[in-house]
Amino acid sequence: MGLIAEINRVGYHVREVRIVDDKGRRVTGFGTRVFSELTGDRYVTLRRSDLSRLLFGKIDRSAEVIFDSEIVGLQQQADGVRVRLKHGNERRFDLVVGTDGLHSAVRGLAFGPQREFEKHLGYVVAAFELSGYRPRDEDVCLMYGQPGRMLGRFTLHDDRTLFLFVFAAEGDSLPGTPDLQKAMLRKIYGEGKWECPQVLERLKETNDLYFDRVSQIRMASWSQGRVALAGDAAFCVSLLAGQGSALAMISAYVLAGELASAGGRHEEAFANYEARLRSYISAKQQGAARFASAFAPRTAGGLWFRNQVIRAFAIPGLARLAVGRDIADPEASRLPMALARGVSRRQHPLCNAGRSGLIHVMRESPFCRLHSAPDISDPLR
């Protein structure tokens, strides 16, 4: 797609992850150079809004795009799907692909309520941004932890700073309003050291707080008739895994390739799409479930052990051995070639498959998450 140069320009090249103590002193950490080595210098972090803007620039005027709306009704028919949009108008499409995230409305309409598919990982995440916060540590991700809770800080462009809260929480209910959510953060982090007091004091300045459970979506099938799901809507790995955008792009590419090669037989395309990705996604979910507790170990002993593991990354070769498979992701790099049976690059995109379709993408939160770019070789260029 010719986006690598622009992604590198707008993205962030994190050079260190640093764990700090009550006084902000470095406890342990690791450099991220090993990630660049494992991915051939293609490891970059970027805001979801920037990635969306770059991708949209490539499809602008080549496909119909409807803004400020969402799907509120679906009626499957023998030859298509009747779709009712938020503002009352109805449209007919051959297929519907829901890509509207963890809290997918399309999944709810076509498959059932979220509680049937959601697996809570025992943590809650909150995030917000501020302008003019000091101090700043450019290209360094700082993390401060106490048992069961973590506060992270990362500098953004234009003198903005991102704050990330991760804390242990059981049960299904969460505060339903921003004021109650802020009150919960103040209660949980009120006795914290480091920069907790000043971050909580400035929490009142934001009207743009992301607040949600850390969850996965696990489904027996990603399609139902003429409706299919991709990305987090189908198989959310979890926000803390940091791979949502990458996996969404991979799944969209595989799905589009299968639709193109199936010649109008959507049942066959959906089945092949799932068969190609199911084991790969399952492995990602299993790894993410294990990884979630590394952000906020629940005990002092767990924090100590996590820090020792991070400290051991300084041993030559150990970081590569520990995270090499997840970062380099050789299976993902083979997927584009595996799916393109008899389908040329010119034929691949869904818009060239000779069928009408609606891909529903809804921004599910005010927070633009940080993600790693997928390690695939520019397949649609």
Protein backbone atom coordinates (compact mmCIF):
# COMPACT_ATOMS: atom_id res chain seq x y z
CA MET A 1 0.00 0.00 0.00
CA GLY A 2 3.03 2.26 0.05
CA LEU A 3 2.51 3.43 3.63
CA ILE A 4 5.73 2.40 5.36
CA ALA A 5 7.50 5.76 5.00
CA GLU A 6 4.48 7.71 6.25
CA ILE A 7 3.91 5.29 9.16
CA ASN A 8 7.52 5.78 10.23
CA ARG A 9 7.12 9.55 9.96
CA VAL A 10 4.01 9.87 12.15
CA GLY A 11 4.74 6.94 14.44
CA TYR A 12 6.81 6.59 17.60
CA HIS A 13 10.08 4.72 17.84
CA VAL A 14 10.19 3.75 21.50
CA ARG A 15 13.78 3.22 22.64
CA GLU A 16 13.23 2.02 26.21
CA VAL A 17 10.64 0.55 28.57
CA ARG A 18 11.60 1.69 32.08
CA ILE A 19 10.24 0.53 35.45
CA VAL A 20 10.56 3.21 38.17
CA ASP A 21 10.18 3.25 41.96
CA ASP A 22 8.37 5.61 44.33
CA LYS A 23 10.92 8.37 43.67
CA GLY A 24 11.09 7.88 39.92
CA ARG A 25 14.42 6.07 40.02
CA ARG A 26 15.04 3.34 37.46
CA VAL A 27 14.44 -0.13 38.91
CA THR A 28 14.85 -2.07 35.70
CA GLY A 29 13.88 -1.93 32.05
CA PHE A 30 14.97 -2.91 28.60
CA GLY A 31 15.82 -1.32 25.28
CA THR A 32 13.63 -1.99 22.28
CA ARG A 33 16.40 -2.40 19.73
CA VAL A 34 15.84 -6.16 19.76
CA PHE A 35 12.29 -5.59 18.45
CA SER A 36 13.64 -3.62 15.47
CA GLU A 37 16.19 -6.34 14.78
CA LEU A 38 13.52 -9.05 14.86
CA THR A 39 11.28 -7.16 12.43
CA GLY A 40 13.88 -5.81 10.03
CA ASP A 41 13.52 -2.24 11.37
CA ARG A 42 9.73 -2.36 10.80
CA TYR A 43 8.75 -2.06 14.46
CA VAL A 44 6.85 1.16 15.10
CA THR A 45 4.14 2.36 17.46
CA LEU A 46 1.39 4.67 16.26
CA ARG A 47 -1.94 6.06 17.29
CA ARG A 48 -4.98 4.33 15.90
CA SER A 49 -6.28 7.65 14.60
CA ASP A 50 -3.09 8.15 12.56
CA LEU A 51 -3.27 4.64 11.15
CA SER A 52 -6.94 5.12 10.26
CA ARG A 53 -6.17 8.42 8.52
CA LEU A 54 -3.40 6.86 6.44
CA LEU A 55 -5.51 3.88 5.41
CA PHE A 56 -8.50 6.07 4.59
CA GLY A 57 -6.30 8.19 2.36
CA LYS A 58 -5.65 5.11 0.22
CA ILE A 59 -9.34 4.27 -0.30
CA ASP A 60 -10.77 7.80 -0.52
CA ARG A 61 -13.04 8.10 -3.57
CA SER A 62 -12.64 4.39 -4.41
CA ALA A 63 -15.43 3.19 -2.10
CA GLU A 64 -18.55 4.63 -0.52
CA VAL A 65 -17.95 5.76 3.06
CA ILE A 66 -20.75 6.74 5.46
CA PHE A 67 -19.79 8.85 8.47
CA ASP A 68 -21.68 9.58 11.69
CA SER A 69 -23.83 6.47 11.56
CA GLU A 70 -23.94 2.88 12.75
CA ILE A 71 -25.85 -0.33 12.15
CA VAL A 72 -28.89 -0.72 14.39
CA GLY A 73 -30.75 -3.51 12.55
CA LEU A 74 -29.97 -6.52 10.35
CA GLN A 75 -32.35 -8.74 8.39
CA GLN A 76 -30.75 -11.58 6.47
CA GLN A 77 -32.47 -12.69 3.26
CA ALA A 78 -31.74 -15.35 0.70
CA ASP A 79 -29.92 -12.97 -1.63
CA GLY A 80 -28.61 -10.28 0.72
CA VAL A 81 -28.86 -8.40 4.01
CA ARG A 82 -31.21 -5.52 4.80
CA VAL A 83 -29.35 -3.05 6.99
CA ARG A 84 -31.00 -0.33 9.06
CA LEU A 85 -28.75 2.59 9.95
CA LYS A 86 -28.93 4.82 13.01
CA HIS A 87 -30.67 7.68 11.25
CA GLY A 88 -33.48 5.48 9.97
CA ASN A 89 -32.56 4.79 6.36
CA GLU A 90 -32.29 1.21 5.08
CA ARG A 91 -29.81 -0.27 2.61
CA ARG A 92 -29.34 -3.68 1.04
CA PHE A 93 -25.93 -5.39 0.78
CA ASP A 94 -24.77 -8.76 -0.45
CA LEU A 95 -22.63 -9.22 2.66
CA VAL A 96 -21.99 -7.44 5.95
CA VAL A 97 -18.60 -7.53 7.67
CA GLY A 98 -18.60 -6.23 11.24
CA THR A 99 -15.29 -4.70 12.31
CA ASP A 100 -16.63 -2.54 15.11
CA GLY A 101 -14.43 -3.69 17.94
CA LEU A 102 -14.74 -5.33 21.33
CA HIS A 103 -18.25 -3.98 21.90
CA SER A 104 -19.43 -4.83 18.37
CA ALA A 105 -23.01 -3.86 17.56
CA VAL A 106 -22.95 -6.08 14.47
CA ARG A 107 -21.96 -9.08 16.58
CA GLY A 108 -24.77 -8.33 18.99
CA LEU A 109 -27.34 -8.14 16.20
CA ALA A 110 -26.19 -11.22 14.29
CA PHE A 111 -24.78 -13.53 16.98
CA GLY A 112 -26.15 -12.53 20.37
CA PRO A 113 -25.21 -10.49 23.45
CA GLN A 114 -21.59 -9.78 24.27
CA ARG A 115 -21.68 -11.68 27.57
CA GLU A 116 -21.92 -14.93 25.60
CA PHE A 117 -18.51 -14.36 24.01
CA GLU A 118 -16.55 -12.11 26.38
CA LYS A 119 -13.86 -13.47 28.68
CA HIS A 120 -12.70 -11.02 31.35
CA LEU A 121 -8.98 -11.18 32.15
CA GLY A 122 -9.35 -9.67 35.63
CA TYR A 123 -8.09 -6.16 34.90
CA VAL A 124 -9.45 -2.72 34.02
CA VAL A 125 -7.63 -0.19 31.85
CA ALA A 126 -8.05 3.59 31.75
CA ALA A 127 -6.21 6.19 29.69
CA PHE A 128 -6.20 9.88 28.91
CA GLU A 129 -3.97 12.55 27.40
CA LEU A 130 -2.76 15.95 28.61
CA SER A 131 -0.97 18.89 27.02
CA GLY A 132 2.05 20.51 28.64
CA TYR A 133 2.72 17.84 31.27
CA ARG A 134 6.16 17.81 32.86
CA PRO A 135 8.48 15.98 33.11
CA ARG A 136 8.87 14.49 29.63
CA ASP A 137 11.00 11.49 28.71
CA GLU A 138 11.09 11.35 24.94
CA ASP A 139 10.61 7.91 23.38
CA VAL A 140 10.62 6.19 26.79
CA CYS A 141 7.66 4.28 28.23
CA LEU A 142 7.73 4.65 32.02
CA MET A 143 5.83 2.28 34.32
CA TYR A 144 5.26 2.57 38.05
CA GLY A 145 3.74 -0.38 39.86
CA GLN A 146 2.24 -1.35 43.17
CA PRO A 147 0.55 -4.69 43.86
CA GLY A 148 -2.49 -4.91 41.58
CA ARG A 149 -2.04 -1.57 39.84
CA MET A 150 0.21 0.21 37.35
CA LEU A 151 0.52 3.78 36.07
CA GLY A 152 2.33 4.36 32.80
CA ARG A 153 3.45 7.55 31.06
CA PHE A 154 4.48 8.04 27.43
CA THR A 155 5.26 11.26 25.56
CA LEU A 156 3.36 12.01 22.36
CA HIS A 157 3.89 14.54 19.57
CA ASP A 158 2.86 18.19 19.95
CA ASP A 159 3.78 18.35 23.66
CA ARG A 160 1.11 15.84 24.66
CA THR A 161 1.48 12.98 27.16
CA LEU A 162 -0.46 9.73 27.41
CA PHE A 163 -1.24 8.18 30.80
CA LEU A 164 -2.24 4.53 31.14
CA PHE A 165 -3.78 2.95 34.24
CA VAL A 166 -4.03 -0.83 34.59
CA PHE A 167 -5.46 -2.32 37.78
CA ALA A 168 -6.86 -5.61 39.01
CA ALA A 169 -10.65 -5.77 39.31
CA GLU A 170 -13.15 -8.58 39.59
CA GLY A 171 -16.84 -8.61 38.66
CA ASP A 172 -18.77 -7.36 35.67
CA SER A 173 -19.89 -3.92 36.79
CA LEU A 174 -17.90 -0.75 36.13
CA PRO A 175 -18.71 2.90 36.89
CA GLY A 176 -21.01 4.19 34.17
CA THR A 177 -20.09 7.90 34.10
CA PRO A 178 -16.77 9.76 33.70
CA ASP A 179 -17.11 11.32 37.16
CA LEU A 180 -17.56 7.93 38.81
CA GLN A 181 -14.70 6.47 36.76
CA LYS A 182 -12.39 9.28 37.85
CA ALA A 183 -13.47 8.74 41.46
CA MET A 184 -12.56 5.06 41.15
CA LEU A 185 -9.09 5.94 39.84
CA ARG A 186 -8.54 8.41 42.69
CA LYS A 187 -9.52 5.78 45.23
CA ILE A 188 -7.31 3.05 43.78
CA TYR A 189 -4.27 5.24 43.11
CA GLY A 190 -4.74 7.75 45.93
CA GLU A 191 -1.94 6.29 48.06
CA GLY A 192 0.43 5.85 45.13
CA LYS A 193 3.83 7.56 45.00
CA TRP A 194 5.93 8.66 42.01
CA GLU A 195 3.73 10.99 39.89
CA CYS A 196 0.39 9.57 41.01
CA PRO A 197 -0.66 12.71 42.98
CA GLN A 198 -0.06 15.17 40.13
CA VAL A 199 -1.57 12.84 37.50
CA LEU A 200 -4.72 12.39 39.61
CA GLU A 201 -4.88 16.15 40.20
CA ARG A 202 -4.84 16.80 36.45
CA LEU A 203 -7.35 14.04 35.77
CA LYS A 204 -10.05 16.69 36.23
CA GLU A 205 -8.81 18.45 33.06
CA THR A 206 -9.87 15.71 30.68
CA ASN A 207 -13.28 15.05 29.20
CA ASP A 208 -11.84 12.26 27.08
CA LEU A 209 -11.24 9.31 29.43
CA TYR A 210 -11.02 5.77 28.09
CA PHE A 211 -12.23 3.25 30.69
CA ASP A 212 -12.98 -0.43 30.08
CA ARG A 213 -12.40 -4.00 31.18
CA VAL A 214 -9.50 -5.96 29.73
CA SER A 215 -11.32 -8.70 27.85
CA GLN A 216 -11.12 -11.18 25.03
CA ILE A 217 -13.80 -12.24 22.56
CA ARG A 218 -13.98 -15.99 21.96
CA MET A 219 -16.47 -17.31 19.43
CA ALA A 220 -17.20 -20.74 18.00
CA SER A 221 -17.72 -19.19 14.56
CA TRP A 222 -16.91 -15.82 13.01
CA SER A 223 -19.74 -15.89 10.47
CA GLN A 224 -23.49 -16.36 10.44
CA GLY A 225 -25.13 -16.60 7.03
CA ARG A 226 -24.14 -13.49 5.07
CA VAL A 227 -22.64 -11.70 8.09
CA ALA A 228 -18.99 -12.11 9.10
CA LEU A 229 -16.78 -10.52 11.72
CA ALA A 230 -13.13 -9.46 11.62
CA GLY A 231 -10.63 -7.99 14.04
CA ASP A 232 -11.63 -7.35 17.66
CA ALA A 233 -15.30 -7.93 16.85
CA ALA A 234 -14.48 -11.57 16.08
CA PHE A 235 -11.54 -12.38 18.34
CA CYS A 236 -10.35 -9.48 20.50
CA VAL A 237 -7.01 -10.57 21.93
CA SER A 238 -7.09 -7.79 24.57
CA LEU A 239 -6.03 -4.19 24.65
CA LEU A 240 -2.90 -4.98 26.68
CA ALA A 241 -1.59 -7.28 23.96
CA GLY A 242 -1.16 -4.23 21.71
CA GLN A 243 -1.91 -6.10 18.48
CA GLY A 244 -5.53 -5.15 17.74
CA SER A 245 -4.89 -3.09 14.61
CA ALA A 246 -2.29 -5.50 13.26
CA LEU A 247 -4.56 -8.52 13.66
CA ALA A 248 -7.53 -6.59 12.25
CA MET A 249 -5.57 -5.76 9.11
CA ILE A 250 -4.34 -9.33 8.73
CA SER A 251 -7.86 -10.74 9.14
CA ALA A 252 -9.33 -8.21 6.70
CA TYR A 253 -6.69 -9.12 4.12
CA VAL A 254 -7.29 -12.86 4.50
CA LEU A 255 -11.07 -12.41 4.34
CA ALA A 256 -10.87 -10.24 1.22
CA GLY A 257 -8.59 -12.74 -0.48
CA GLU A 258 -10.91 -15.64 0.27
CA LEU A 259 -13.94 -13.72 -0.98
CA ALA A 260 -12.14 -12.90 -4.21
CA SER A 261 -10.99 -16.46 -4.81
CA ALA A 262 -14.37 -18.04 -3.92
CA GLY A 263 -16.08 -16.46 -6.92
CA GLY A 264 -19.26 -15.40 -5.11
CA ARG A 265 -19.56 -18.42 -2.82
CA HIS A 266 -19.51 -16.54 0.46
CA GLU A 267 -20.07 -19.64 2.62
CA GLU A 268 -16.89 -21.16 1.21
CA ALA A 269 -14.98 -17.90 1.63
CA PHE A 270 -16.03 -17.47 5.26
CA ALA A 271 -15.12 -21.07 6.08
CA ASN A 272 -11.68 -20.79 4.47
CA TYR A 273 -11.05 -17.43 6.18
CA GLU A 274 -11.69 -18.94 9.57
CA ALA A 275 -9.76 -22.13 8.83
CA ARG A 276 -6.66 -20.14 7.88
CA LEU A 277 -6.69 -17.90 10.94
CA ARG A 278 -8.28 -19.86 13.78
CA SER A 279 -5.16 -21.57 15.21
CA TYR A 280 -3.06 -18.43 14.73
CA ILE A 281 -5.58 -16.28 16.63
CA SER A 282 -6.03 -18.88 19.36
CA ALA A 283 -2.30 -18.84 20.03
CA LYS A 284 -2.37 -15.04 20.21
CA GLN A 285 -5.22 -15.13 22.72
CA GLN A 286 -3.51 -17.68 24.91
CA GLY A 287 -0.34 -15.60 24.99
CA ALA A 288 -2.24 -12.40 25.74
CA ALA A 289 -4.07 -13.99 28.66
CA ARG A 290 -0.74 -14.95 30.21
CA PHE A 291 0.76 -11.54 29.46
CA ALA A 292 -1.98 -9.41 31.05
CA SER A 293 -0.77 -9.97 34.60
CA ALA A 294 2.73 -8.70 33.71
CA PHE A 295 1.39 -5.14 33.63
CA ALA A 296 0.05 -5.20 37.19
CA PRO A 297 1.07 -8.28 39.21
CA ARG A 298 -1.30 -8.66 42.15
CA THR A 299 1.31 -9.22 44.87
CA ALA A 300 4.62 -7.69 45.97
CA GLY A 301 6.24 -11.03 45.16
CA GLY A 302 4.73 -10.94 41.68
CA LEU A 303 6.11 -7.45 41.10
CA TRP A 304 9.57 -8.56 42.22
CA PHE A 305 9.49 -11.60 39.93
CA ARG A 306 8.27 -9.53 36.94
CA ASN A 307 11.14 -7.09 37.48
CA GLN A 308 13.68 -9.91 37.65
CA VAL A 309 12.41 -11.27 34.34
CA ILE A 310 12.76 -7.82 32.76
CA ARG A 311 16.23 -7.40 34.27
CA ALA A 312 17.25 -10.72 32.71
CA PHE A 313 16.51 -9.27 29.26
CA ALA A 314 19.92 -7.59 29.52
CA ILE A 315 21.53 -11.01 29.08
CA PRO A 316 22.57 -11.25 25.40
CA GLY A 317 20.10 -13.29 23.39
CA LEU A 318 17.56 -13.80 26.17
CA ALA A 319 15.12 -11.12 25.03
CA ARG A 320 15.25 -12.53 21.51
CA LEU A 321 14.54 -16.02 22.86
CA ALA A 322 11.71 -14.85 25.14
CA VAL A 323 9.78 -12.58 22.77
CA GLY A 324 11.21 -13.34 19.35
CA ARG A 325 8.32 -15.48 18.10
CA ASP A 326 5.63 -13.01 19.18
CA ILE A 327 7.41 -9.97 17.76
CA ALA A 328 8.76 -11.35 14.47
CA ASP A 329 5.58 -13.38 13.96
CA PRO A 330 6.80 -15.58 11.09
CA GLU A 331 3.37 -17.17 10.73
CA ALA A 332 1.82 -13.77 9.98
CA SER A 333 4.42 -13.02 7.33
CA ARG A 334 3.44 -16.23 5.51
CA LEU A 335 -0.31 -15.59 5.59
CA PRO A 336 -0.49 -13.19 2.61
CA MET A 337 1.27 -15.68 0.36
CA ALA A 338 -0.80 -18.62 1.63
CA LEU A 339 -4.14 -16.99 1.00
CA ALA A 340 -3.52 -15.75 -2.51
CA ARG A 341 -4.28 -18.99 -4.33
CA GLY A 342 -4.76 -17.90 -7.93
CA VAL A 343 -5.67 -14.32 -6.92
CA SER A 344 -3.52 -11.56 -8.29
CA ARG A 345 -2.84 -8.43 -6.29
CA ARG A 346 -4.98 -6.49 -8.73
CA GLN A 347 -7.88 -8.85 -8.08
CA HIS A 348 -7.46 -9.10 -4.32
CA PRO A 349 -9.32 -6.15 -2.73
CA LEU A 350 -12.93 -6.78 -1.75
CA CYS A 351 -14.14 -3.91 -3.94
CA ASN A 352 -12.91 -5.86 -6.99
CA ALA A 353 -14.71 -9.07 -6.03
CA GLY A 354 -17.84 -8.08 -7.94
CA ARG A 355 -20.12 -7.90 -4.90
CA SER A 356 -21.54 -5.14 -2.77
CA GLY A 357 -20.55 -5.15 0.89
CA LEU A 358 -20.71 -3.04 4.01
CA ILE A 359 -17.72 -2.95 6.32
CA HIS A 360 -18.76 -1.34 9.60
CA VAL A 361 -16.01 0.39 11.52
CA MET A 362 -16.99 2.39 14.61
CA ARG A 363 -14.59 4.14 16.92
CA GLU A 364 -15.35 2.38 20.18
CA SER A 365 -13.62 4.77 22.58
CA PRO A 366 -12.24 8.31 22.74
CA PHE A 367 -8.73 7.00 23.36
CA CYS A 368 -6.53 6.38 20.32
CA ARG A 369 -4.71 3.22 21.27
CA LEU A 370 -1.10 2.46 20.52
CA HIS A 371 -0.39 -0.55 18.34
CA SER A 372 2.44 -2.24 16.54
CA ALA A 373 2.34 -2.28 12.77
CA PRO A 374 1.83 -5.80 11.36
CA ASP A 375 4.86 -7.62 10.07
CA ILE A 376 3.55 -8.34 6.58
CA SER A 377 5.20 -7.36 3.33
CA ASP A 378 3.04 -4.59 1.88
CA PRO A 379 0.76 -7.10 0.10
CA LEU A 380 -1.54 -4.66 -1.70
CA ARG A 381 1.08 -2.25 -3.03
